[in-house]
Protein backbone atom coordinates (compact mmCIF):
# COMPACT_ATOMS: atom_id res chain seq x y z
CA MET A 1 80.16 130.66 136.73
CA GLU A 2 83.78 130.40 135.58
CA LYS A 3 84.09 128.84 132.17
CA VAL A 4 86.02 125.61 131.62
CA LYS A 5 89.07 126.22 129.43
CA LEU A 6 88.73 123.56 126.74
CA GLY A 7 91.32 122.77 124.08
CA VAL A 8 89.86 121.18 120.94
CA ILE A 9 92.49 119.57 118.71
CA PHE A 10 91.75 118.51 115.11
CA GLY A 11 93.50 117.77 111.80
CA GLY A 12 96.63 115.71 112.39
CA MET A 13 99.14 113.76 110.32
CA SER A 14 97.01 110.72 109.54
CA THR A 15 95.20 109.77 106.34
CA GLU A 16 92.01 110.85 108.19
CA HIS A 17 93.18 114.47 108.47
CA ASP A 18 90.23 115.90 106.51
CA VAL A 19 87.66 113.87 108.42
CA SER A 20 89.14 115.11 111.68
CA ILE A 21 88.74 118.73 110.57
CA THR A 22 85.05 118.11 109.94
CA SER A 23 84.62 116.38 113.30
CA GLY A 24 86.59 119.02 115.21
CA THR A 25 84.78 122.03 113.75
CA SER A 26 81.46 120.28 114.36
CA VAL A 27 82.40 119.81 118.02
CA ILE A 28 83.39 123.50 118.36
CA LYS A 29 80.17 124.68 116.71
CA ASN A 30 78.02 122.65 119.09
CA LEU A 31 79.79 123.36 122.39
CA ASP A 32 77.92 125.55 124.87
CA LYS A 33 79.83 128.85 124.63
CA ASN A 34 78.46 129.87 128.04
CA LYS A 35 80.21 126.87 129.66
CA TYR A 36 83.48 126.72 127.75
CA GLU A 37 86.30 129.03 126.81
CA ILE A 38 87.45 127.25 123.65
CA TYR A 39 91.06 126.95 122.51
CA PRO A 40 90.84 125.60 118.91
CA VAL A 41 94.03 123.85 117.78
CA TYR A 42 94.69 122.69 114.21
CA ILE A 43 97.54 120.27 113.35
CA ASP A 44 98.49 120.21 109.66
CA LYS A 45 99.56 117.13 107.73
CA LYS A 46 103.24 117.79 108.52
CA GLY A 47 102.61 117.98 112.24
CA ASN A 48 102.78 121.77 112.64
CA TRP A 49 100.49 123.22 115.32
CA PHE A 50 98.28 126.27 114.78
CA VAL A 51 95.62 128.28 116.58
CA TYR A 52 92.43 128.43 114.54
CA THR A 53 91.89 132.20 114.81
CA LYS A 54 88.39 132.48 113.40
CA LYS A 55 85.93 133.94 115.93
CA ILE A 56 84.54 131.07 117.96
CA GLU A 57 80.95 132.16 117.43
CA ASP A 58 81.54 132.20 113.63
CA ILE A 59 83.10 128.74 113.37
CA ASP A 60 81.02 126.44 111.15
CA VAL A 61 81.58 122.86 110.06
CA ILE A 62 84.32 122.51 107.46
CA GLU A 63 83.30 119.74 105.08
CA VAL A 64 85.61 116.86 104.18
CA GLY A 65 88.17 118.05 101.63
CA GLU A 66 87.77 121.78 102.30
CA GLU A 67 90.90 123.73 103.24
CA ILE A 68 91.13 125.33 106.69
CA LYS A 69 92.19 128.97 106.75
CA GLU A 70 92.68 131.70 109.40
CA ILE A 71 95.44 129.97 111.34
CA THR A 72 98.45 131.20 113.30
CA LYS A 73 101.49 129.09 114.15
CA ILE A 74 101.86 127.93 117.77
CA VAL A 75 105.51 128.26 118.76
CA ASN A 76 105.23 126.10 121.89
CA PRO A 77 102.26 123.64 121.75
CA ILE A 78 102.89 122.27 125.26
CA GLU A 79 102.85 125.77 126.74
CA TYR A 80 99.63 126.52 124.86
CA LEU A 81 97.89 123.35 126.08
CA GLN A 82 98.95 124.07 129.68
CA GLU A 83 96.54 127.00 129.60
CA CYS A 84 93.62 124.58 129.22
CA ASP A 85 91.71 122.75 131.97
CA VAL A 86 90.85 119.79 129.72
CA ILE A 87 91.55 118.70 126.14
CA PHE A 88 89.22 117.20 123.54
CA PRO A 89 91.51 115.51 120.96
CA VAL A 90 89.11 115.10 118.02
CA LEU A 91 91.83 113.28 116.05
CA HIS A 92 91.32 110.16 113.96
CA GLY A 93 93.95 107.60 112.93
CA LEU A 94 97.68 107.59 113.43
CA TYR A 95 99.22 110.18 115.79
CA GLY A 96 95.77 110.97 117.19
CA GLU A 97 93.78 107.82 117.91
CA ASP A 98 96.74 105.50 118.48
CA GLY A 99 97.88 106.59 121.94
CA THR A 100 100.42 109.15 120.68
CA ILE A 101 98.60 112.37 121.59
CA GLN A 102 97.20 110.61 124.67
CA GLY A 103 100.71 109.89 125.89
CA MET A 104 101.72 113.49 125.43
CA LEU A 105 98.69 114.69 127.41
CA GLU A 106 99.48 112.18 130.18
CA LEU A 107 103.04 113.50 130.28
CA ILE A 108 101.88 117.08 130.89
CA ASN A 109 99.22 115.89 133.36
CA LYS A 110 96.32 117.28 131.37
CA PRO A 111 92.88 115.56 131.48
CA TYR A 112 91.43 114.66 128.07
CA VAL A 113 88.35 113.20 126.46
CA GLY A 114 88.41 109.59 125.38
CA CYS A 115 90.41 106.40 125.78
CA ARG A 116 93.83 106.33 127.42
CA VAL A 117 97.17 105.29 125.93
CA LEU A 118 96.80 101.50 126.09
CA SER A 119 93.25 101.21 124.75
CA SER A 120 93.90 103.83 122.06
CA SER A 121 97.04 102.12 120.76
CA VAL A 122 95.60 98.60 120.91
CA CYS A 123 92.37 99.52 119.08
CA MET A 124 94.24 101.41 116.39
CA ASP A 125 96.08 98.18 115.61
CA LYS A 126 93.57 95.78 114.04
CA VAL A 127 95.85 92.76 114.52
CA TYR A 128 96.70 93.25 118.16
CA SER A 129 93.16 94.12 119.17
CA LYS A 130 92.17 90.75 117.71
CA PHE A 131 94.37 89.03 120.30
CA ILE A 132 92.64 90.79 123.21
CA PHE A 133 89.14 90.08 121.92
CA GLU A 134 90.03 86.43 121.35
CA ASN A 135 91.14 86.20 124.98
CA ALA A 136 87.83 87.78 126.03
CA ASN A 137 86.03 85.05 124.04
CA ILE A 138 84.38 87.59 121.71
CA GLU A 139 83.64 86.08 118.31
CA GLN A 140 85.33 87.64 115.27
CA ALA A 141 85.94 86.84 111.60
CA ASP A 142 88.79 84.36 110.92
CA TYR A 143 92.03 85.98 109.79
CA ILE A 144 95.72 85.62 109.10
CA TYR A 145 98.45 88.11 110.00
CA ILE A 146 101.48 89.00 107.86
CA ARG A 147 104.24 91.62 108.03
CA LYS A 148 106.15 93.23 105.16
CA TYR A 149 109.82 92.20 105.25
CA GLY A 150 111.90 93.76 102.47
CA GLU A 151 110.49 92.34 99.25
CA LYS A 152 108.95 89.39 101.09
CA TYR A 153 106.62 88.93 104.01
CA ILE A 154 106.52 87.22 107.39
CA TYR A 155 103.56 85.01 108.15
CA VAL A 156 102.77 84.91 111.90
CA ASP A 157 100.64 81.94 112.98
CA ASN A 158 98.26 81.88 115.96
CA GLU A 159 101.09 80.76 118.27
CA PHE A 160 103.34 83.63 117.10
CA ASN A 161 105.63 81.38 115.11
CA GLU A 162 107.11 83.26 112.18
CA LYS A 163 107.90 82.14 108.63
CA ILE A 164 109.30 84.19 105.74
CA VAL A 165 107.00 83.80 102.73
CA ASP A 166 106.38 85.27 99.30
CA LEU A 167 103.03 86.28 97.79
CA ASN A 168 102.45 82.85 96.27
CA GLU A 169 102.88 81.18 99.67
CA ILE A 170 100.56 83.72 101.27
CA SER A 171 97.95 82.89 98.64
CA ASP A 172 98.26 79.18 99.50
CA ILE A 173 97.77 79.93 103.22
CA VAL A 174 94.73 82.13 102.49
CA GLU A 175 93.14 79.47 100.28
CA GLU A 176 93.72 76.81 102.91
CA LYS A 177 92.63 78.77 105.98
CA LEU A 178 90.10 81.33 104.73
CA GLY A 179 89.08 80.86 101.11
CA TYR A 180 87.87 83.74 98.95
CA PRO A 181 86.68 86.45 99.17
CA VAL A 182 88.86 88.10 101.80
CA PHE A 183 89.46 91.63 102.99
CA VAL A 184 93.04 92.90 103.00
CA LYS A 185 93.61 95.66 105.58
CA PRO A 186 96.56 97.69 106.84
CA SER A 187 96.66 96.95 110.56
CA ASN A 188 96.92 100.65 111.48
CA SER A 189 94.55 102.67 109.36
CA GLY A 190 91.05 104.12 109.60
CA SER A 191 88.09 105.24 107.49
CA SER A 192 88.62 102.12 105.33
CA ILE A 193 91.77 103.65 103.80
CA GLY A 194 94.02 100.99 102.26
CA ILE A 195 91.34 98.27 102.54
CA ASN A 196 90.29 96.14 99.56
CA LYS A 197 88.23 93.02 98.92
CA ALA A 198 90.10 90.26 97.03
CA VAL A 199 88.20 87.54 95.19
CA ASN A 200 91.16 85.69 93.64
CA LYS A 201 94.91 85.17 93.90
CA LYS A 202 95.81 88.03 91.52
CA GLU A 203 93.76 90.56 93.48
CA LEU A 204 95.10 89.25 96.78
CA SER A 205 98.71 89.88 95.75
CA GLU A 206 97.85 93.31 94.35
CA TYR A 207 95.94 94.39 97.48
CA ILE A 208 98.60 93.10 99.88
CA GLU A 209 101.16 95.27 98.11
CA PHE A 210 98.78 98.20 98.25
CA ALA A 211 98.03 97.72 101.98
CA ALA A 212 101.79 97.57 102.67
CA LYS A 213 102.02 101.21 101.54
CA PHE A 214 100.07 102.19 104.65
CA ASP A 215 101.48 99.75 107.22
CA LYS A 216 103.99 96.90 107.41
CA LYS A 217 101.48 94.88 109.42
CA ILE A 218 98.64 93.49 107.32
CA LEU A 219 95.45 91.72 108.30
CA ILE A 220 93.77 89.31 105.84
CA GLU A 221 90.27 88.57 107.01
CA GLU A 222 87.47 86.33 105.79
CA ALA A 223 84.56 88.18 104.20
CA ILE A 224 81.36 87.89 106.19
CA ASP A 225 78.02 87.77 104.39
CA GLY A 226 76.06 89.92 106.76
CA ARG A 227 74.75 93.25 107.92
CA GLU A 228 77.12 95.87 109.40
CA VAL A 229 75.82 97.49 112.57
CA GLU A 230 77.32 99.85 115.12
CA CYS A 231 76.79 100.52 118.82
CA ALA A 232 77.92 103.57 120.84
CA VAL A 233 79.31 103.21 124.36
CA LEU A 234 79.76 105.97 126.94
CA GLY A 235 81.33 106.00 130.39
CA ASN A 236 84.38 105.21 132.49
CA GLU A 237 83.42 102.52 134.97
CA ASP A 238 79.63 102.69 134.68
CA VAL A 239 79.46 102.14 130.94
CA MET A 240 76.27 102.58 128.96
CA ALA A 241 75.51 101.26 125.48
CA SER A 242 73.13 102.84 122.95
CA GLY A 243 70.81 101.04 120.62
CA ILE A 244 72.27 100.04 117.25
CA GLY A 245 72.40 101.58 113.81
CA GLU A 246 72.92 99.84 110.49
CA ILE A 247 75.28 100.85 107.68
CA LEU A 248 73.82 100.58 104.19
CA SER A 249 76.77 101.15 101.89
CA ALA A 250 76.28 102.34 98.33
CA GLU A 251 79.28 100.22 97.34
CA ASP A 252 80.33 96.59 97.76
CA PHE A 253 81.73 97.48 101.16
CA TYR A 254 82.03 100.65 103.25
CA THR A 255 84.99 102.34 101.54
CA PHE A 256 86.24 105.88 102.23
CA ASP A 257 84.27 107.18 99.25
CA ALA A 258 81.15 105.32 100.34
CA LYS A 259 81.45 106.86 103.81
CA TYR A 260 82.18 110.45 102.89
CA LYS A 261 81.52 111.06 99.21
CA ASN A 262 78.64 108.82 98.04
CA SER A 263 75.30 110.27 99.09
CA ALA A 264 73.59 106.95 98.29
CA SER A 265 75.22 105.42 101.40
CA ARG A 266 73.01 105.79 104.42
CA THR A 267 72.53 104.73 108.01
CA VAL A 268 69.38 103.41 109.62
CA ILE A 269 68.79 104.26 113.32
CA PRO A 270 67.49 102.25 115.02
CA ALA A 271 68.41 99.21 112.94
CA ASP A 272 65.59 96.79 112.18
CA VAL A 273 67.04 93.96 114.28
CA PRO A 274 65.30 91.63 116.76
CA LYS A 275 65.44 92.80 120.39
CA ASP A 276 67.40 89.77 121.62
CA ILE A 277 70.15 90.43 119.05
CA VAL A 278 70.22 94.12 119.93
CA GLU A 279 70.67 93.26 123.61
CA LYS A 280 73.46 90.79 122.85
CA ILE A 281 75.25 93.39 120.74
CA ARG A 282 74.90 96.03 123.49
CA LYS A 283 76.33 93.66 126.10
CA THR A 284 79.18 92.59 123.78
CA ALA A 285 79.97 96.23 122.97
CA ILE A 286 80.41 97.01 126.69
CA LYS A 287 82.44 93.83 127.19
CA ALA A 288 84.76 94.74 124.29
CA PHE A 289 85.15 98.30 125.66
CA LYS A 290 85.99 96.96 129.11
CA ALA A 291 88.39 94.37 127.64
CA ILE A 292 90.55 97.11 126.13
CA ASP A 293 90.25 99.23 129.31
CA GLY A 294 88.29 101.90 127.45
CA LYS A 295 87.43 105.28 128.91
CA GLY A 296 84.94 107.93 127.87
CA LEU A 297 83.65 106.73 124.52
CA SER A 298 83.94 104.32 121.66
CA ARG A 299 81.90 103.14 118.71
CA VAL A 300 81.85 99.35 118.47
CA ASP A 301 81.22 97.79 115.06
CA PHE A 302 79.72 94.35 114.34
CA PHE A 303 78.53 92.03 111.60
CA ILE A 304 75.28 90.09 111.95
CA GLU A 305 75.81 87.08 109.69
CA ASN A 306 72.88 86.64 107.32
CA LYS A 307 72.34 82.89 107.48
CA THR A 308 73.08 82.30 111.15
CA ASN A 309 72.50 85.62 112.95
CA ARG A 310 75.97 85.15 114.48
CA ILE A 311 77.31 88.38 115.98
CA LEU A 312 80.91 89.06 115.01
CA LEU A 313 82.95 91.96 116.34
CA ILE A 314 84.66 94.05 113.64
CA GLU A 315 86.52 96.68 115.68
CA VAL A 316 86.40 99.30 118.42
CA ASN A 317 86.82 102.91 117.30
CA THR A 318 88.11 104.98 120.21
CA MET A 319 87.51 108.37 118.56
CA PRO A 320 84.70 107.88 116.05
CA GLY A 321 83.52 110.46 113.58
CA PHE A 322 81.94 113.36 115.42
CA THR A 323 79.88 115.37 112.97
CA GLN A 324 76.20 115.85 113.70
CA ILE A 325 75.42 113.18 111.10
CA SER A 326 78.06 110.70 112.35
CA MET A 327 76.82 107.42 113.78
CA TYR A 328 78.13 107.95 117.32
CA PRO A 329 76.23 111.16 118.15
CA LYS A 330 73.20 110.04 116.12
CA LEU A 331 72.92 106.83 118.18
CA TRP A 332 72.87 108.85 121.42
CA GLU A 333 70.42 111.29 119.91
CA GLN A 334 68.08 108.34 119.36
CA GLU A 335 68.43 107.67 123.12
CA GLY A 336 67.40 111.27 123.90
CA VAL A 337 70.90 112.74 124.38
CA LYS A 338 71.38 115.83 122.25
CA TYR A 339 74.72 116.52 120.57
CA SER A 340 75.71 119.42 122.87
CA GLU A 341 74.65 117.42 125.93
CA LEU A 342 76.77 114.49 124.75
CA LEU A 343 79.79 116.80 124.51
CA ASP A 344 79.17 117.92 128.09
CA LYS A 345 79.00 114.33 129.28
CA LEU A 346 82.30 113.45 127.57
CA ILE A 347 84.10 116.45 129.02
CA ASN A 348 82.75 115.67 132.49
CA LEU A 349 83.94 112.05 132.14
CA ALA A 350 87.42 113.35 131.27
CA LEU A 351 87.50 115.63 134.32
CA GLU A 352 86.10 112.83 136.53
CA ASP A 353 88.89 110.46 135.53
CA LYS A 354 91.82 112.85 135.96
């Protein structure tokens, strides 16, 4: 049987560069080498493209923060990718999960794993994905939206009216509409980078200025007292949802360090949640995925509010972490789908949708 020529792209220019290296090398390690001729592509933080020249059979998972070696510069990335039958862009964050690489692959008519341009770009932007989920009548935490404007900010209300404001005025709006505590988030960022929890006016101002270093668009969201759970979806038109897993953060919320550096953080699969709530989450996960015109895969994150059991959508991650201990593959493993089998399914979905 002729092998499928598969390009696996990892690294990238986003703040999630190191996480992507771990995900990408994990994917390569677990691919069936009898089925695939693998073209490993590493993108550095400056956007330079390289072939990862280590022998495919010797590639092991590179842990978060470790440096990648054994690379050779690719002179013409488009020409290199044209050699492949299908691409697996294991890229997280900006320039990888935001529709950018997807647009390039569409332009060269190359099938690829995961969500297309629209769904990727919308889900990368926390503010604009809110608008779609609101229209789909999917419940979310209350929020306000601001944009950095010189030394001031623009407050955008729910009818898209704009008003130039300073930090004191933003604080007044937050106190009136949300109250404390609130989460301050760059609209386009992942792995909780740039996110902080503010409990007073001083912290709010400080964290808005910090978030603005990552993106001019900033989401300020009410803090939900609840459990954080995640559901994996898989498919193009016939979409399946896994059971759910729960995040137990070692810190006040699931920061970058809590996710990748604090061994006290853990996940529970399956989550200890009543069956009726699990079913509602699974249905809502598929609805959210369909609402953004998702393809292939996504991990859909929710809160279950402690006092009310309300289910609130947090976000849709179109290229979730992909190590063997990441939530997405672990959720499917719980359903009886092994890691390497899951990779096969995703590649087949990409080829099916070309």
